[in-house]
């Protein structure tokens, strides 16, 4: 791709016309000189605003079952190989999950995601979560409900949809090539099958990745094109937050500029998808967090599963200070 001053505007024009950027352009996005990053962000903002204006959706997580996962994902403080000092508990009660929905609504969140550390749910888990969804749906009919519960069958996905769930999160995390480097207890194809089961049940898909685990730019590009191929509804973008006691505890290789370029790539390849700033943004972007809104239209508030984050009030100030508005 040529280096003319208006090249990023031409890329935005291509995307807005309905065409996909090619792999050479994707490489150029990640290789954009830091001095030209403002131009890339401005062009990406045109694509973002064409679909979402300047609105930013607040979302909130609930760690519904913590620290007992039998999988060996190397980035995760809740995996069986983690030595991280975190809370460990079984599935929270339905009352506790409903109380979490109340807190999400009080925080201005439009989406509430209940996350369970597990390979996948047993029948009793599906029954329990279905009851929670039914109760939350009755009390908050407009609150978007998401579940992140590991490998999921089509039948269980359908049961949860019938109970009122709207989204299922099951991240791809990285490229097919790099996946065996971060997990050996399940495969990339297992993840793709869960996404297919979710789509077959008529649920909306939420699947993104984690940047900064040792992958190459080509792996990032592979991940970005896979999110486009799958036509995902929602794409959370995580930046590795190294946690003591995990195999990746010493890895710290991201710059704020690299994080912003990845966000731009995801938006340019998924112009109409909801893209969410997720874990690790505070650590890896610091004072440049607000620039993510040029690409993303959704954000988590009140922290993550086992790591802290900005509360809803400070996040609201971040959004409004950048000239965007909280979606209501």
Protein backbone atom coordinates (compact mmCIF):
# COMPACT_ATOMS: atom_id res chain seq x y z
CA UNK A 1 0.00 0.00 0.00
CA UNK A 2 1.44 3.40 -0.99
CA UNK A 3 2.38 5.93 1.67
CA UNK A 4 0.45 8.94 0.40
CA UNK A 5 -0.89 11.22 3.11
CA UNK A 6 -4.49 10.26 2.36
CA UNK A 7 -3.91 6.50 2.10
CA UNK A 8 -5.83 5.73 5.30
CA UNK A 9 -8.80 7.75 4.11
CA UNK A 10 -8.77 5.67 0.95
CA UNK A 11 -8.78 2.51 3.06
CA UNK A 12 -11.80 3.84 4.98
CA UNK A 13 -13.53 4.61 1.67
CA UNK A 14 -12.95 1.01 0.57
CA UNK A 15 -14.45 -0.37 3.78
CA UNK A 16 -17.41 2.00 3.70
CA UNK A 17 -18.10 0.91 0.13
CA UNK A 18 -18.55 -2.64 1.43
CA UNK A 19 -15.27 -4.21 0.38
CA UNK A 20 -12.81 -6.09 2.57
CA UNK A 21 -9.27 -4.84 2.93
CA UNK A 22 -6.64 -7.23 1.61
CA UNK A 23 -3.89 -8.84 3.62
CA UNK A 24 -1.26 -6.37 2.41
CA UNK A 25 -3.35 -3.52 3.78
CA UNK A 26 -3.88 -5.42 7.04
CA UNK A 27 -0.11 -5.71 7.41
CA UNK A 28 0.22 -2.00 6.71
CA UNK A 29 -2.25 -1.21 9.50
CA UNK A 30 -0.16 -3.07 12.06
CA UNK A 31 3.05 -1.58 10.63
CA UNK A 32 1.73 1.99 10.56
CA UNK A 33 4.41 4.40 11.74
CA UNK A 34 3.60 5.77 15.17
CA UNK A 35 3.87 9.31 13.80
CA UNK A 36 1.01 8.50 11.38
CA UNK A 37 -1.20 6.77 13.94
CA UNK A 38 -3.46 9.80 14.30
CA UNK A 39 -4.35 9.57 10.60
CA UNK A 40 -5.14 5.86 10.89
CA UNK A 41 -7.32 6.50 13.94
CA UNK A 42 -9.19 9.32 12.20
CA UNK A 43 -9.92 7.14 9.17
CA UNK A 44 -11.01 4.24 11.37
CA UNK A 45 -13.32 6.58 13.29
CA UNK A 46 -15.20 7.31 10.06
CA UNK A 47 -16.00 3.60 9.73
CA UNK A 48 -16.96 3.31 13.39
CA UNK A 49 -19.22 6.37 13.28
CA UNK A 50 -20.94 5.19 10.10
CA UNK A 51 -22.37 2.29 12.09
CA UNK A 52 -22.44 3.44 15.71
CA UNK A 53 -22.15 7.21 15.72
CA UNK A 54 -20.31 8.30 18.86
CA UNK A 55 -22.16 5.92 21.18
CA UNK A 56 -20.29 3.65 23.60
CA UNK A 57 -22.05 0.71 25.28
CA UNK A 58 -21.14 -0.17 28.87
CA UNK A 59 -20.89 -3.86 29.75
CA UNK A 60 -20.22 -5.60 33.06
CA UNK A 61 -18.79 -9.01 33.95
CA UNK A 62 -19.72 -11.33 36.80
CA UNK A 63 -17.28 -14.06 37.88
CA UNK A 64 -19.98 -16.63 38.59
CA UNK A 65 -17.62 -19.56 39.25
CA UNK A 66 -14.00 -18.92 40.01
CA UNK A 67 -10.68 -20.70 39.96
CA UNK A 68 -11.67 -24.31 39.28
CA UNK A 69 -11.19 -24.68 35.53
CA UNK A 70 -9.63 -28.00 34.36
CA UNK A 71 -8.17 -26.40 31.22
CA UNK A 72 -4.53 -25.24 30.90
CA UNK A 73 -4.82 -21.89 29.10
CA UNK A 74 -1.49 -20.23 29.85
CA UNK A 75 -2.81 -16.67 30.17
CA UNK A 76 -5.55 -17.49 32.68
CA UNK A 77 -5.32 -17.12 36.45
CA UNK A 78 -8.20 -19.60 36.83
CA UNK A 79 -6.67 -22.52 34.92
CA UNK A 80 -5.55 -25.77 36.52
CA UNK A 81 -1.89 -24.83 36.03
CA UNK A 82 -2.18 -21.36 37.57
CA UNK A 83 -0.60 -20.59 40.94
CA UNK A 84 -2.24 -17.17 41.13
CA UNK A 85 -3.79 -16.17 44.42
CA UNK A 86 -7.41 -15.64 43.46
CA UNK A 87 -10.80 -16.40 45.00
CA UNK A 88 -11.92 -19.99 44.43
CA UNK A 89 -15.61 -20.87 44.63
CA UNK A 90 -18.32 -22.95 42.99
CA UNK A 91 -21.25 -21.57 41.03
CA UNK A 92 -22.85 -18.61 42.76
CA UNK A 93 -26.48 -18.87 43.75
CA UNK A 94 -29.26 -17.64 41.51
CA UNK A 95 -29.90 -14.86 44.02
CA UNK A 96 -26.25 -13.74 43.76
CA UNK A 97 -26.37 -13.76 39.97
CA UNK A 98 -29.57 -11.71 40.00
CA UNK A 99 -27.97 -9.29 42.47
CA UNK A 100 -25.12 -8.89 39.98
CA UNK A 101 -27.64 -7.88 37.34
CA UNK A 102 -28.97 -5.20 39.68
CA UNK A 103 -25.44 -3.82 40.09
CA UNK A 104 -24.91 -3.86 36.34
CA UNK A 105 -28.07 -1.84 35.76
CA UNK A 106 -27.15 0.59 38.55
CA UNK A 107 -23.78 1.09 36.84
CA UNK A 108 -25.43 1.98 33.54
CA UNK A 109 -24.40 -1.26 31.84
CA UNK A 110 -26.46 -2.40 28.87
CA UNK A 111 -24.99 -5.92 28.90
CA UNK A 112 -24.36 -8.29 31.81
CA UNK A 113 -22.10 -11.29 31.25
CA UNK A 114 -21.96 -14.21 33.70
CA UNK A 115 -18.65 -16.08 33.37
CA UNK A 116 -17.87 -19.53 34.77
CA UNK A 117 -14.42 -21.12 34.97
CA UNK A 118 -15.14 -24.57 33.50
CA UNK A 119 -14.50 -26.72 30.46
CA UNK A 120 -18.21 -26.67 29.76
CA UNK A 121 -21.48 -26.87 31.69
CA UNK A 122 -23.06 -29.99 33.17
CA UNK A 123 -26.83 -30.36 32.94
CA UNK A 124 -27.27 -28.97 36.47
CA UNK A 125 -25.21 -25.91 35.49
CA UNK A 126 -27.43 -25.24 32.49
CA UNK A 127 -30.52 -25.59 34.69
CA UNK A 128 -29.04 -23.17 37.23
CA UNK A 129 -28.02 -20.57 34.67
CA UNK A 130 -31.34 -20.89 32.85
CA UNK A 131 -33.17 -20.09 36.08
CA UNK A 132 -30.92 -17.07 36.61
CA UNK A 133 -31.57 -15.86 33.06
CA UNK A 134 -35.33 -16.25 33.47
CA UNK A 135 -35.37 -14.26 36.69
CA UNK A 136 -33.12 -11.52 35.33
CA UNK A 137 -35.14 -11.29 32.13
CA UNK A 138 -38.37 -10.83 34.11
CA UNK A 139 -36.88 -8.04 36.20
CA UNK A 140 -34.79 -6.36 33.51
CA UNK A 141 -36.34 -7.11 30.11
CA UNK A 142 -34.04 -4.68 28.29
CA UNK A 143 -30.76 -5.86 29.83
CA UNK A 144 -28.64 -7.84 27.38
CA UNK A 145 -27.65 -11.20 28.89
CA UNK A 146 -24.42 -12.95 27.95
CA UNK A 147 -22.93 -16.21 29.25
CA UNK A 148 -19.33 -17.40 29.03
CA UNK A 149 -19.33 -21.05 30.08
CA UNK A 150 -16.78 -22.87 27.93
CA UNK A 151 -17.48 -25.55 25.37
CA UNK A 152 -21.21 -25.64 24.67
CA UNK A 153 -23.43 -28.07 22.80
CA UNK A 154 -26.14 -26.95 20.40
CA UNK A 155 -28.84 -28.39 22.67
CA UNK A 156 -27.60 -26.51 25.73
CA UNK A 157 -27.24 -23.32 23.71
CA UNK A 158 -30.87 -23.67 22.66
CA UNK A 159 -32.01 -24.20 26.27
CA UNK A 160 -30.21 -21.05 27.38
CA UNK A 161 -31.68 -19.06 24.52
CA UNK A 162 -35.14 -20.24 25.50
CA UNK A 163 -34.42 -19.08 29.06
CA UNK A 164 -33.62 -15.55 27.93
CA UNK A 165 -29.89 -15.48 27.19
CA UNK A 166 -29.04 -13.37 24.17
CA UNK A 167 -25.28 -13.81 23.71
CA UNK A 168 -22.69 -16.49 24.32
CA UNK A 169 -19.05 -15.52 24.71
CA UNK A 170 -16.42 -18.01 23.58
CA UNK A 171 -13.20 -16.30 22.57
CA UNK A 172 -10.93 -17.53 19.79
CA UNK A 173 -8.04 -15.96 21.73
CA UNK A 174 -5.47 -16.17 18.92
CA UNK A 175 -4.77 -17.72 15.52
CA UNK A 176 -5.13 -21.38 14.66
CA UNK A 177 -1.34 -21.60 14.20
CA UNK A 178 -0.47 -20.15 17.60
CA UNK A 179 -3.27 -21.79 19.59
CA UNK A 180 -1.30 -24.91 20.67
CA UNK A 181 1.26 -22.57 22.28
CA UNK A 182 -1.30 -21.32 24.81
CA UNK A 183 -3.56 -24.35 25.39
CA UNK A 184 -3.30 -28.14 25.07
CA UNK A 185 -6.51 -29.35 26.75
CA UNK A 186 -8.80 -28.33 23.90
CA UNK A 187 -8.32 -27.28 20.30
CA UNK A 188 -9.05 -24.34 18.06
CA UNK A 189 -11.65 -26.49 16.32
CA UNK A 190 -13.39 -27.06 19.66
CA UNK A 191 -13.78 -23.30 19.91
CA UNK A 192 -15.07 -23.00 16.37
CA UNK A 193 -17.61 -25.77 17.02
CA UNK A 194 -18.98 -23.95 20.05
CA UNK A 195 -19.41 -20.79 17.98
CA UNK A 196 -21.22 -22.83 15.31
CA UNK A 197 -23.50 -24.32 18.00
CA UNK A 198 -24.29 -20.86 19.33
CA UNK A 199 -25.16 -19.58 15.87
CA UNK A 200 -27.30 -22.64 15.14
CA UNK A 201 -29.33 -21.94 18.29
CA UNK A 202 -30.05 -18.40 17.13
CA UNK A 203 -27.95 -16.80 19.87
CA UNK A 204 -25.65 -13.89 19.13
CA UNK A 205 -21.93 -14.57 19.09
CA UNK A 206 -19.28 -12.89 21.21
CA UNK A 207 -15.75 -14.01 20.34
CA UNK A 208 -12.51 -12.09 20.30
CA UNK A 209 -8.89 -12.48 21.25
CA UNK A 210 -6.01 -11.63 23.54
CA UNK A 211 -3.12 -9.66 22.10
CA UNK A 212 0.39 -9.81 23.54
CA UNK A 213 0.84 -13.52 24.33
CA UNK A 214 3.85 -13.97 22.05
CA UNK A 215 1.99 -14.20 18.74
CA UNK A 216 3.29 -12.63 15.53
CA UNK A 217 1.61 -9.94 13.46
CA UNK A 218 0.59 -12.66 11.03
CA UNK A 219 -1.20 -14.44 13.87
CA UNK A 220 -3.03 -11.22 14.74
CA UNK A 221 -4.04 -10.82 11.11
CA UNK A 222 -5.22 -14.45 10.95
CA UNK A 223 -7.35 -13.86 14.06
CA UNK A 224 -8.80 -10.65 12.61
CA UNK A 225 -9.78 -12.32 9.33
CA UNK A 226 -11.32 -15.24 11.25
CA UNK A 227 -13.54 -12.85 13.18
CA UNK A 228 -14.71 -11.45 9.85
CA UNK A 229 -15.27 -14.90 8.32
CA UNK A 230 -17.43 -15.96 11.26
CA UNK A 231 -19.59 -12.82 10.98
CA UNK A 232 -19.48 -12.31 14.73
CA UNK A 233 -21.92 -9.99 16.45
CA UNK A 234 -19.55 -8.92 19.20
CA UNK A 235 -15.74 -8.95 19.40
CA UNK A 236 -14.00 -8.34 22.74
CA UNK A 237 -10.43 -7.14 22.34
CA UNK A 238 -8.20 -8.10 25.27
CA UNK A 239 -4.61 -7.03 25.84
CA UNK A 240 -2.57 -9.44 27.96
CA UNK A 241 -2.47 -8.51 31.64
CA UNK A 242 0.31 -10.77 32.94
CA UNK A 243 -0.75 -12.32 36.25
CA UNK A 244 1.74 -13.68 38.78
CA UNK A 245 1.45 -17.44 38.98
CA UNK A 246 0.58 -18.00 35.30
CA UNK A 247 3.00 -19.16 32.57
CA UNK A 248 2.80 -15.71 30.93
CA UNK A 249 3.51 -13.79 34.14
CA UNK A 250 6.75 -12.28 32.76
CA UNK A 251 5.48 -11.40 29.29
CA UNK A 252 5.02 -7.68 28.70
CA UNK A 253 5.57 -6.65 25.10
CA UNK A 254 2.70 -4.35 24.09
CA UNK A 255 2.84 -0.62 23.55
CA UNK A 256 -0.20 1.67 23.55
CA UNK A 257 0.41 2.29 19.86
CA UNK A 258 0.35 -1.42 19.00
CA UNK A 259 -2.90 -1.87 20.91
CA UNK A 260 -4.51 0.98 18.97
CA UNK A 261 -3.38 -0.42 15.64
CA UNK A 262 -4.90 -3.83 16.45
CA UNK A 263 -8.18 -2.13 17.37
CA UNK A 264 -8.16 -0.31 14.03
CA UNK A 265 -7.54 -3.56 12.15
CA UNK A 266 -10.49 -5.27 13.83
CA UNK A 267 -12.79 -2.35 13.04
CA UNK A 268 -11.70 -2.11 9.40
CA UNK A 269 -12.35 -5.84 8.94
CA UNK A 270 -15.59 -5.83 10.96
CA UNK A 271 -17.19 -2.46 10.25
CA UNK A 272 -20.64 -3.31 11.65
CA UNK A 273 -19.67 -5.57 14.56
CA UNK A 274 -19.73 -4.48 18.18
CA UNK A 275 -16.06 -4.25 19.19
CA UNK A 276 -15.37 -4.05 22.91
CA UNK A 277 -12.34 -2.78 24.80
CA UNK A 278 -11.80 -5.56 27.33
CA UNK A 279 -9.16 -6.85 29.74
CA UNK A 280 -5.75 -5.26 29.99
CA UNK A 281 -6.62 -1.91 28.44
CA UNK A 282 -5.84 0.03 31.61
CA UNK A 283 -2.43 -1.61 32.00
CA UNK A 284 -1.35 -1.52 28.34
CA UNK A 285 -2.78 1.80 27.11
CA UNK A 286 -2.73 3.94 30.23
CA UNK A 287 -3.29 7.58 29.29
CA UNK A 288 -4.14 6.59 25.69
CA UNK A 289 -7.19 4.46 26.57
CA UNK A 290 -9.65 7.04 25.25
CA UNK A 291 -8.16 6.77 21.76
CA UNK A 292 -9.62 3.26 21.56
CA UNK A 293 -13.04 4.86 21.00
CA UNK A 294 -11.94 5.70 17.46
CA UNK A 295 -12.35 1.97 16.80
CA UNK A 296 -14.38 0.36 19.58
CA UNK A 297 -18.00 1.08 20.48
CA UNK A 298 -18.27 -0.94 23.68
CA UNK A 299 -16.31 -1.24 26.92
CA UNK A 300 -16.23 -3.21 30.17
CA UNK A 301 -16.64 -1.34 33.45
CA UNK A 302 -15.96 -2.21 37.10
CA UNK A 303 -13.05 -4.55 36.42
CA UNK A 304 -12.65 -8.03 35.00
CA UNK A 305 -12.70 -11.56 36.38
CA UNK A 306 -9.59 -11.55 38.57
CA UNK A 307 -8.00 -8.19 37.70
CA UNK A 308 -9.19 -4.67 38.57
CA UNK A 309 -10.25 -1.98 36.11
CA UNK A 310 -11.86 1.42 35.91
CA UNK A 311 -15.19 1.75 37.68
CA UNK A 312 -18.27 2.89 35.80
CA UNK A 313 -18.02 6.54 36.85
CA UNK A 314 -14.40 6.95 35.77
CA UNK A 315 -15.15 5.08 32.55
CA UNK A 316 -18.06 7.41 31.84
CA UNK A 317 -15.75 10.39 32.37
CA UNK A 318 -13.21 8.81 30.00
CA UNK A 319 -15.88 8.40 27.31
CA UNK A 320 -17.37 11.87 27.62
CA UNK A 321 -13.97 13.51 27.92
CA UNK A 322 -13.05 12.04 24.54
CA UNK A 323 -16.16 13.52 22.90
CA UNK A 324 -18.22 10.32 22.86
CA UNK A 325 -21.46 9.49 24.66
CA UNK A 326 -22.61 6.60 26.84
CA UNK A 327 -25.31 4.52 25.18
CA UNK A 328 -28.53 4.42 27.17
